[in-house]
Amino acid sequence: MKPQVSKESLFNYFAGRATALQKQQIDEWAKEEQNRELFFECLAIWENQNIQFVADVQDAMQRHTNRMISEPDDTNAPVSLPEVVERPLGAGSLFRWLVAATVAGVLLVSGVRFSDKLIYTTYQAPFGQTRSITLSDGSRITLNANSTLQVPRFGFGQRTRKVILAGEADFAIKHMPNHQKFIVQTNKNFEVVVLGTEFMVNTREHGRKVILNKGKVQLLYQEGEMNKQLTMKPGNLVLFDRQGHVSLKQAANPQELRSWKVHRFVFDQTTLEEISTLFRENYSIYLDFPDEELRQWAVSGAFTANNAEELIEALTSASNLTYKRQGDTLIVVQPH
């Protein structure tokens, strides 16, 4: 028997409140072409009530006008007209047609075929917070602050297990009976291919790295014009420099590199300049050093802090420094 999908269950699905079984049923139901009209009708209603995407109509119209001006005017070219089939429209059909036309119009005007918000469920950890997620396949992910993870709305766990990461996250991947791979895609010219393991990925500009804690992963990356791959073993730490070059190291204690999950920060001869990058990326707070020499001061030790205020208090106390706050900037100085 085919599953019966109601509007209420679709609204729960869009809001992320559907159970794993309901998600699977709706994924299968939405594959049927005759069900897509109702799906997009409900999606249009739900998104009107829960605004997530606003098209820049003015910008899109300007791009369209520019294209019209730049394209040659070939009035003699033959024009193929679509076949028109006339049929009466009832009130319900007219409403559905208008909804479908409205959705299509928004997508076309915005210059995209499908919005990411239609294709993916997006999980986000805001500045200063971490977030734990359990996916429908049983995999567990912890997002670090200022990070996002995109998971396909349709077919995840059946057709694909590819997710998209921006920022930093720790993964504990559930092994599937059919040995289906789990892939972490990034926008930094590398991706991680997994069968079942525990690892961490950081895509931030100043700290791109992959750390393998348990199992085995394959790292696919681009170095210059070359596509390369590397198989990592437990304890391996792969670092990317700003030019995309890769270095492979053996981490003495991989768990320390994942300690941000429990709000613990471990520094080993880490400069205040490097620590300022952490504040900017995790808390959207900037460290300013009127004395430029302070940037190269090195800090070693483990500090537990639940927020930026606790971390700067611990760091300045341990380094015999003081600070004052001005808006989103912390000014760090030596006491007189």
Protein backbone atom coordinates (compact mmCIF):
# COMPACT_ATOMS: atom_id res chain seq x y z
CA MET A 1 0.00 0.00 0.00
CA LYS A 2 1.30 3.42 -0.95
CA PRO A 3 1.68 5.86 1.96
CA GLN A 4 -0.97 8.57 2.41
CA VAL A 5 0.65 11.96 2.84
CA SER A 6 -1.38 14.84 4.32
CA LYS A 7 -0.69 18.56 4.25
CA GLU A 8 -0.03 18.49 7.98
CA SER A 9 2.64 15.81 7.57
CA LEU A 10 4.23 17.84 4.77
CA PHE A 11 4.33 20.95 6.96
CA ASN A 12 6.04 18.91 9.71
CA TYR A 13 8.49 17.61 7.08
CA PHE A 14 9.42 21.14 5.91
CA ALA A 15 9.84 22.27 9.54
CA GLY A 16 12.14 19.32 10.36
CA ARG A 17 9.69 17.76 12.81
CA ALA A 18 8.95 14.58 10.83
CA THR A 19 10.13 11.24 12.16
CA ALA A 20 12.69 9.17 10.25
CA LEU A 21 9.90 6.87 9.00
CA GLN A 22 7.76 9.83 7.90
CA LYS A 23 10.73 11.37 6.06
CA GLN A 24 11.32 8.12 4.20
CA GLN A 25 7.63 7.83 3.27
CA ILE A 26 7.48 11.42 2.00
CA ASP A 27 10.73 10.98 0.05
CA GLU A 28 9.22 7.98 -1.74
CA TRP A 29 5.84 9.71 -2.20
CA ALA A 30 7.44 12.85 -3.69
CA LYS A 31 9.18 10.79 -6.38
CA GLU A 32 5.78 10.21 -8.02
CA GLU A 33 5.12 12.91 -10.59
CA GLN A 34 1.40 13.15 -9.77
CA ASN A 35 2.27 14.10 -6.17
CA ARG A 36 4.66 16.95 -6.93
CA GLU A 37 1.95 19.55 -7.52
CA LEU A 38 0.62 19.07 -3.98
CA PHE A 39 4.18 18.98 -2.61
CA PHE A 40 5.12 22.37 -4.11
CA GLU A 41 1.71 23.84 -3.27
CA CYS A 42 2.27 23.00 0.41
CA LEU A 43 5.88 24.17 0.22
CA ALA A 44 4.79 27.56 -1.15
CA ILE A 45 2.24 27.93 1.65
CA TRP A 46 4.72 26.86 4.34
CA GLU A 47 7.51 29.13 3.09
CA ASN A 48 5.12 32.10 2.94
CA GLN A 49 4.43 31.49 6.63
CA ASN A 50 8.08 30.74 7.48
CA ILE A 51 10.14 33.08 5.33
CA GLN A 52 13.54 31.53 4.56
CA PHE A 53 14.30 32.80 1.07
CA VAL A 54 13.83 36.29 -0.34
CA ALA A 55 14.55 36.72 -4.02
CA ASP A 56 16.38 39.89 -5.07
CA VAL A 57 13.85 40.73 -7.78
CA GLN A 58 15.39 44.09 -8.65
CA ASP A 59 18.82 42.54 -9.20
CA ALA A 60 17.33 39.69 -11.25
CA MET A 61 15.35 42.09 -13.45
CA GLN A 62 18.48 44.16 -14.04
CA ARG A 63 20.41 41.03 -15.10
CA HIS A 64 17.53 40.08 -17.41
CA THR A 65 17.46 43.59 -18.95
CA ASN A 66 21.23 43.45 -19.52
CA ARG A 67 20.87 40.11 -21.29
CA MET A 68 18.12 41.52 -23.52
CA ILE A 69 20.29 44.48 -24.47
CA SER A 70 23.37 42.34 -25.15
CA GLU A 71 21.63 39.63 -27.19
CA PRO A 72 21.33 40.15 -30.97
CA ASP A 73 17.87 40.97 -32.32
CA ASP A 74 17.26 38.28 -34.91
CA THR A 75 13.67 39.01 -35.89
CA ASN A 76 13.86 36.70 -38.88
CA ALA A 77 14.64 33.62 -36.81
CA PRO A 78 11.85 31.02 -36.80
CA VAL A 79 9.89 30.83 -33.57
CA SER A 80 8.46 27.55 -32.29
CA LEU A 81 5.21 28.03 -30.40
CA PRO A 82 4.13 25.50 -27.77
CA GLU A 83 0.98 23.55 -28.42
CA VAL A 84 -1.92 25.03 -26.48
CA VAL A 85 -4.49 22.65 -25.01
CA GLU A 86 -7.68 24.32 -23.83
CA ARG A 87 -9.53 22.86 -20.88
CA PRO A 88 -11.81 24.39 -18.24
CA LEU A 89 -10.22 25.30 -14.93
CA GLY A 90 -12.09 24.86 -11.68
CA ALA A 91 -11.40 27.07 -8.71
CA GLY A 92 -9.14 24.47 -7.08
CA SER A 93 -7.21 23.83 -10.29
CA LEU A 94 -6.86 27.55 -10.90
CA PHE A 95 -5.48 28.05 -7.38
CA ARG A 96 -2.98 25.23 -7.80
CA TRP A 97 -1.97 26.57 -11.19
CA LEU A 98 -1.43 30.03 -9.73
CA VAL A 99 0.65 28.61 -6.87
CA ALA A 100 2.76 26.56 -9.28
CA ALA A 101 3.19 29.59 -11.55
CA THR A 102 4.15 31.78 -8.59
CA VAL A 103 6.76 29.30 -7.37
CA ALA A 104 8.17 28.87 -10.89
CA GLY A 105 8.20 32.65 -11.38
CA VAL A 106 10.12 33.28 -8.17
CA LEU A 107 12.70 30.64 -9.10
CA LEU A 108 13.13 31.98 -12.64
CA VAL A 109 13.33 35.62 -11.60
CA SER A 110 15.91 34.82 -8.94
CA GLY A 111 18.09 33.24 -11.62
CA VAL A 112 18.19 29.73 -10.17
CA ARG A 113 16.47 26.51 -11.16
CA PHE A 114 15.99 25.32 -7.59
CA SER A 115 16.84 27.08 -4.36
CA ASP A 116 19.21 25.31 -2.00
CA LYS A 117 16.43 25.54 0.57
CA LEU A 118 14.26 23.30 -1.61
CA ILE A 119 17.00 20.74 -2.19
CA TYR A 120 18.70 20.68 1.22
CA THR A 121 17.87 20.82 4.91
CA THR A 122 20.39 23.23 6.43
CA TYR A 123 21.65 22.89 10.00
CA GLN A 124 23.50 25.84 11.49
CA ALA A 125 25.47 26.56 14.65
CA PRO A 126 25.56 30.32 15.37
CA PHE A 127 28.54 32.24 16.70
CA GLY A 128 29.57 31.11 20.18
CA GLN A 129 27.54 27.87 20.15
CA THR A 130 27.94 24.27 19.05
CA ARG A 131 25.13 22.06 17.79
CA SER A 132 24.65 18.27 17.81
CA ILE A 133 22.72 16.57 14.99
CA THR A 134 21.63 12.97 14.43
CA LEU A 135 20.90 12.22 10.77
CA SER A 136 18.25 9.78 9.57
CA ASP A 137 20.93 7.12 8.90
CA GLY A 138 22.06 7.26 12.55
CA SER A 139 25.23 9.29 11.91
CA ARG A 140 26.05 11.90 14.58
CA ILE A 141 27.56 15.29 13.78
CA THR A 142 28.65 18.10 16.07
CA LEU A 143 28.91 21.51 14.40
CA ASN A 144 31.38 24.01 15.77
CA ALA A 145 30.38 27.65 16.11
CA ASN A 146 29.71 29.57 12.87
CA SER A 147 29.31 26.38 10.81
CA THR A 148 26.61 24.94 8.53
CA LEU A 149 25.78 21.48 7.24
CA GLN A 150 23.51 20.85 4.24
CA VAL A 151 21.76 17.46 3.98
CA PRO A 152 19.67 16.41 0.93
CA ARG A 153 15.91 16.52 1.57
CA PHE A 154 15.25 13.62 -0.82
CA GLY A 155 16.91 10.22 -1.00
CA PHE A 156 19.42 10.65 1.83
CA GLY A 157 20.38 7.16 2.97
CA GLN A 158 18.89 5.58 -0.16
CA ARG A 159 20.45 7.20 -3.22
CA THR A 160 23.18 9.22 -1.55
CA ARG A 161 24.85 10.10 1.73
CA LYS A 162 26.65 13.24 0.53
CA VAL A 163 26.52 16.31 2.77
CA ILE A 164 28.03 19.79 2.37
CA LEU A 165 30.04 21.39 5.18
CA ALA A 166 31.05 25.01 5.65
CA GLY A 167 33.05 25.62 8.82
CA GLU A 168 34.09 22.88 11.24
CA ALA A 169 32.37 19.68 12.36
CA ASP A 170 33.07 16.40 14.11
CA PHE A 171 31.57 13.27 12.53
CA ALA A 172 30.66 9.82 13.90
CA ILE A 173 29.40 7.97 10.80
CA LYS A 174 27.05 4.99 10.98
CA HIS A 175 28.14 2.05 8.84
CA MET A 176 25.40 0.84 6.48
CA PRO A 177 24.64 -2.84 5.71
CA ASN A 178 25.17 -2.14 1.99
CA HIS A 179 28.52 -0.41 2.72
CA GLN A 180 27.20 2.86 1.27
CA LYS A 181 29.81 5.60 1.38
CA PHE A 182 29.34 8.82 3.34
CA ILE A 183 30.84 11.86 1.61
CA VAL A 184 31.60 15.25 3.16
CA GLN A 185 31.83 17.84 0.40
CA THR A 186 33.44 21.25 0.92
CA ASN A 187 33.99 24.37 -1.18
CA LYS A 188 37.73 24.23 -0.52
CA ASN A 189 38.73 21.79 -3.30
CA PHE A 190 38.61 18.69 -1.13
CA GLU A 191 36.10 16.11 0.08
CA VAL A 192 36.18 13.20 2.50
CA VAL A 193 34.86 9.75 1.52
CA VAL A 194 33.90 7.47 4.42
CA LEU A 195 32.61 3.95 5.03
CA GLY A 196 32.20 4.14 8.81
CA THR A 197 34.44 6.11 11.13
CA GLU A 198 35.02 9.09 13.44
CA PHE A 199 36.80 12.17 12.10
CA MET A 200 36.81 15.97 12.09
CA VAL A 201 36.81 18.37 9.14
CA ASN A 202 37.69 22.05 9.25
CA THR A 203 37.07 24.14 6.11
CA ARG A 204 37.94 27.53 7.60
CA GLU A 205 40.36 29.61 5.53
CA HIS A 206 43.09 29.71 8.20
CA GLY A 207 42.72 26.19 9.56
CA ARG A 208 41.72 23.73 6.83
CA LYS A 209 42.40 20.25 8.11
CA VAL A 210 41.07 16.70 8.49
CA ILE A 211 41.72 14.62 11.61
CA LEU A 212 40.96 10.90 11.71
CA ASN A 213 40.18 9.42 15.12
CA LYS A 214 38.87 5.98 14.21
CA GLY A 215 38.42 3.88 11.06
CA LYS A 216 39.61 4.84 7.58
CA VAL A 217 38.76 7.65 5.16
CA GLN A 218 39.81 8.60 1.67
CA LEU A 219 40.65 12.24 1.06
CA LEU A 220 40.06 13.56 -2.46
CA TYR A 221 41.63 16.95 -3.12
CA GLN A 222 42.97 19.24 -5.80
CA GLU A 223 46.55 20.45 -5.72
CA GLY A 224 47.20 22.95 -8.48
CA GLU A 225 45.80 21.37 -11.66
CA MET A 226 46.13 17.83 -10.31
CA ASN A 227 43.38 15.75 -8.69
CA LYS A 228 44.88 13.65 -5.92
CA GLN A 229 43.76 11.22 -3.25
CA LEU A 230 45.10 10.10 0.11
CA THR A 231 44.00 7.29 2.41
CA MET A 232 44.14 8.31 6.07
CA LYS A 233 44.74 6.04 9.06
CA PRO A 234 43.76 6.64 12.72
CA GLY A 235 45.73 9.48 14.25
CA ASN A 236 46.53 11.06 10.87
CA LEU A 237 46.26 14.84 10.62
CA VAL A 238 46.12 16.42 7.15
CA LEU A 239 46.74 20.17 6.91
CA PHE A 240 46.10 22.41 3.90
CA ASP A 241 48.13 25.59 3.45
CA ARG A 242 46.72 28.68 1.73
CA GLN A 243 47.96 27.46 -1.67
CA GLY A 244 46.15 24.14 -1.21
CA HIS A 245 49.29 22.07 -0.61
CA VAL A 246 48.82 19.10 1.71
CA SER A 247 50.99 17.91 4.60
CA LEU A 248 50.36 14.65 6.47
CA LYS A 249 51.26 14.35 10.15
CA GLN A 250 50.66 11.93 13.00
CA ALA A 251 48.80 13.72 15.78
CA ALA A 252 50.13 12.88 19.24
CA ASN A 253 46.66 13.19 20.75
CA PRO A 254 43.87 13.50 18.15
CA GLN A 255 41.25 13.93 20.90
CA GLU A 256 42.78 17.26 21.90
CA LEU A 257 42.12 18.62 18.40
CA ARG A 258 38.42 17.79 18.85
CA SER A 259 38.13 19.12 22.40
CA TRP A 260 36.07 22.15 21.30
CA LYS A 261 33.09 19.77 21.46
CA VAL A 262 33.23 20.05 25.26
CA HIS A 263 34.22 23.75 25.25
CA ARG A 264 37.85 22.96 25.97
CA PHE A 265 40.63 24.78 24.11
CA VAL A 266 44.14 23.33 24.00
CA PHE A 267 47.04 25.56 22.93
CA ASP A 268 50.65 24.48 22.38
CA GLN A 269 52.93 27.46 21.75
CA THR A 270 50.00 29.09 19.94
CA THR A 271 50.49 32.79 19.20
CA LEU A 272 47.95 35.41 20.20
CA GLU A 273 47.68 36.23 16.51
CA GLU A 274 46.49 32.66 15.82
CA ILE A 275 44.15 32.79 18.81
CA SER A 276 42.64 36.01 17.45
CA THR A 277 41.55 34.03 14.37
CA LEU A 278 39.71 31.60 16.66
CA PHE A 279 37.83 34.48 18.31
CA ARG A 280 36.88 35.93 14.94
CA GLU A 281 35.67 32.62 13.47
CA ASN A 282 33.94 31.19 16.55
CA TYR A 283 32.56 34.30 18.23
CA SER A 284 32.63 37.10 15.61
CA ILE A 285 34.84 39.01 18.05
CA TYR A 286 38.09 40.75 17.05
CA LEU A 287 41.25 40.98 19.16
CA ASP A 288 43.23 44.20 18.81
CA PHE A 289 46.85 44.55 20.00
CA PRO A 290 48.08 48.17 20.22
CA ASP A 291 51.51 46.67 21.00
CA GLU A 292 52.30 44.69 17.84
CA GLU A 293 54.78 42.50 19.73
CA LEU A 294 51.89 40.94 21.66
CA ARG A 295 50.68 39.25 18.47
CA GLN A 296 53.65 36.85 18.66
CA TRP A 297 53.26 36.00 22.35
CA ALA A 298 52.86 32.21 22.63
CA VAL A 299 50.34 30.49 24.89
CA SER A 300 50.39 26.88 26.09
CA GLY A 301 47.81 25.12 28.22
CA ALA A 302 44.21 23.88 28.29
CA PHE A 303 41.36 26.28 29.02
CA THR A 304 37.68 25.48 29.56
CA ALA A 305 35.33 28.27 28.51
CA ASN A 306 31.65 28.33 27.57
CA ASN A 307 31.82 31.71 25.83
CA ALA A 308 34.22 34.37 24.53
CA GLU A 309 34.23 36.28 27.81
CA GLU A 310 35.34 33.25 29.81
CA LEU A 311 38.05 32.40 27.27
CA ILE A 312 39.58 35.90 27.12
CA GLU A 313 39.49 36.09 30.94
CA ALA A 314 41.40 32.80 31.21
CA LEU A 315 43.93 33.73 28.51
CA THR A 316 44.73 37.22 29.76
CA SER A 317 44.98 36.01 33.37
CA ALA A 318 47.40 33.23 32.41
CA SER A 319 49.49 35.64 30.29
CA ASN A 320 49.46 38.52 32.80
CA LEU A 321 47.61 40.77 30.35
CA THR A 322 44.49 42.92 30.59
CA TYR A 323 41.77 43.78 28.11
CA LYS A 324 38.84 46.11 27.58
CA ARG A 325 35.88 45.71 25.27
CA GLN A 326 34.76 48.18 22.63
CA GLY A 327 31.75 46.83 20.70
CA ASP A 328 32.81 43.62 18.99
CA THR A 329 36.53 44.27 19.63
CA LEU A 330 38.65 43.24 22.63
CA ILE A 331 41.71 45.45 23.11
CA VAL A 332 44.50 43.42 24.74
CA VAL A 333 47.36 45.25 26.47
CA GLN A 334 50.10 44.75 29.05
CA PRO A 335 49.29 46.29 32.44
CA HIS A 336 51.40 49.29 33.45
